[in-house]
Amino acid sequence: MTARAMKPFRVYLRSEQIEPLRWLAERRKVSIAELIRQGVDRILADVPAEEDPLWNIIGASDSGLGDLAEKHDEYIAKLIYAENHR
């Protein structure tokens, strides 16, 4: 992961977590921050897709077209055609 893609985030750890993390980071030759990122990735990987907030956009609007899911390419092509022939 590149530094550009990362953002700072302050995390407070219990004192008994710090030394084991230091030991593990040294043993694996990574930073403590990297261990924390890996832990977050593991937690997020276990979240069921249904709990992803992105699912909240489903049904957020209504096109009025009952077959939009099946014929979206056709509708987009018609819009592009209309835009190009104005």
Protein backbone atom coordinates (compact mmCIF):
# COMPACT_ATOMS: atom_id res chain seq x y z
CA MET A 1 0.00 0.00 0.00
CA THR A 2 1.32 3.43 -0.84
CA ALA A 3 1.66 6.28 1.63
CA ARG A 4 -0.68 8.37 -0.54
CA ALA A 5 -3.52 5.93 0.03
CA MET A 6 -3.16 6.05 3.81
CA LYS A 7 -4.56 8.57 6.25
CA PRO A 8 -3.50 9.10 9.83
CA PHE A 9 -5.81 7.74 12.50
CA ARG A 10 -5.09 7.83 16.21
CA VAL A 11 -5.63 4.59 18.11
CA TYR A 12 -5.26 4.11 21.84
CA LEU A 13 -4.05 0.68 22.92
CA ARG A 14 -4.11 -0.89 26.34
CA SER A 15 -0.66 -0.97 27.91
CA GLU A 16 -0.61 -4.79 27.91
CA GLN A 17 -1.07 -4.78 24.11
CA ILE A 18 1.97 -2.68 23.28
CA GLU A 19 4.87 -4.99 24.17
CA PRO A 20 3.41 -8.06 22.43
CA LEU A 21 2.78 -5.91 19.35
CA ARG A 22 6.35 -4.60 19.43
CA TRP A 23 7.68 -8.14 19.72
CA LEU A 24 5.49 -9.40 16.86
CA ALA A 25 6.32 -6.42 14.64
CA GLU A 26 10.02 -6.99 15.16
CA ARG A 27 9.68 -10.72 14.55
CA ARG A 28 7.71 -10.17 11.32
CA LYS A 29 9.87 -7.20 10.30
CA VAL A 30 6.91 -4.86 9.91
CA SER A 31 5.72 -1.81 11.81
CA ILE A 32 3.16 -1.88 14.58
CA ALA A 33 0.97 0.25 12.31
CA GLU A 34 1.15 -2.48 9.66
CA LEU A 35 0.08 -5.10 12.20
CA ILE A 36 -2.88 -2.93 13.15
CA ARG A 37 -3.81 -2.47 9.46
CA GLN A 38 -3.64 -6.25 8.98
CA GLY A 39 -5.89 -6.75 12.00
CA VAL A 40 -8.42 -4.24 10.67
CA ASP A 41 -8.35 -5.99 7.28
CA ARG A 42 -9.12 -9.32 8.97
CA ILE A 43 -12.04 -7.86 10.89
CA LEU A 44 -13.47 -6.18 7.79
CA ALA A 45 -13.11 -9.38 5.76
CA ASP A 46 -15.40 -11.11 8.25
CA VAL A 47 -18.18 -8.52 7.97
CA PRO A 48 -21.11 -9.99 6.03
CA ALA A 49 -21.78 -8.17 2.77
CA GLU A 50 -25.31 -7.35 3.96
CA GLU A 51 -23.83 -5.17 6.72
CA ASP A 52 -21.88 -3.04 4.23
CA PRO A 53 -23.42 0.46 4.26
CA LEU A 54 -23.11 0.56 0.48
CA TRP A 55 -26.14 -1.74 0.34
CA ASN A 56 -28.22 1.21 1.63
CA ILE A 57 -28.20 2.76 -1.85
CA ILE A 58 -30.36 -0.05 -3.20
CA GLY A 59 -33.82 1.32 -3.75
CA ALA A 60 -32.72 4.86 -2.88
CA SER A 61 -34.24 6.16 -6.11
CA ASP A 62 -36.70 5.00 -8.73
CA SER A 63 -36.13 5.47 -12.44
CA GLY A 64 -39.72 4.62 -13.25
CA LEU A 65 -38.42 1.97 -15.65
CA GLY A 66 -39.34 -1.51 -14.45
CA ASP A 67 -36.73 -3.19 -16.65
CA LEU A 68 -33.74 -0.91 -16.03
CA ALA A 69 -31.59 -3.67 -14.53
CA GLU A 70 -32.03 -5.86 -17.61
CA LYS A 71 -31.89 -3.15 -20.30
CA HIS A 72 -29.50 -0.57 -18.82
CA ASP A 73 -27.12 -0.81 -21.82
CA GLU A 74 -29.98 -0.07 -24.20
CA TYR A 75 -31.10 2.96 -22.20
CA ILE A 76 -27.55 4.32 -21.98
CA ALA A 77 -27.04 3.85 -25.72
CA LYS A 78 -30.28 5.75 -26.43
CA LEU A 79 -29.16 8.61 -24.16
CA ILE A 80 -25.76 8.81 -25.85
CA TYR A 81 -27.40 8.75 -29.26
CA ALA A 82 -29.79 11.53 -28.27
CA GLU A 83 -26.91 13.64 -26.86
CA ASN A 84 -24.91 13.25 -30.06
CA HIS A 85 -27.81 14.15 -32.35
CA ARG A 86 -28.96 17.40 -30.77
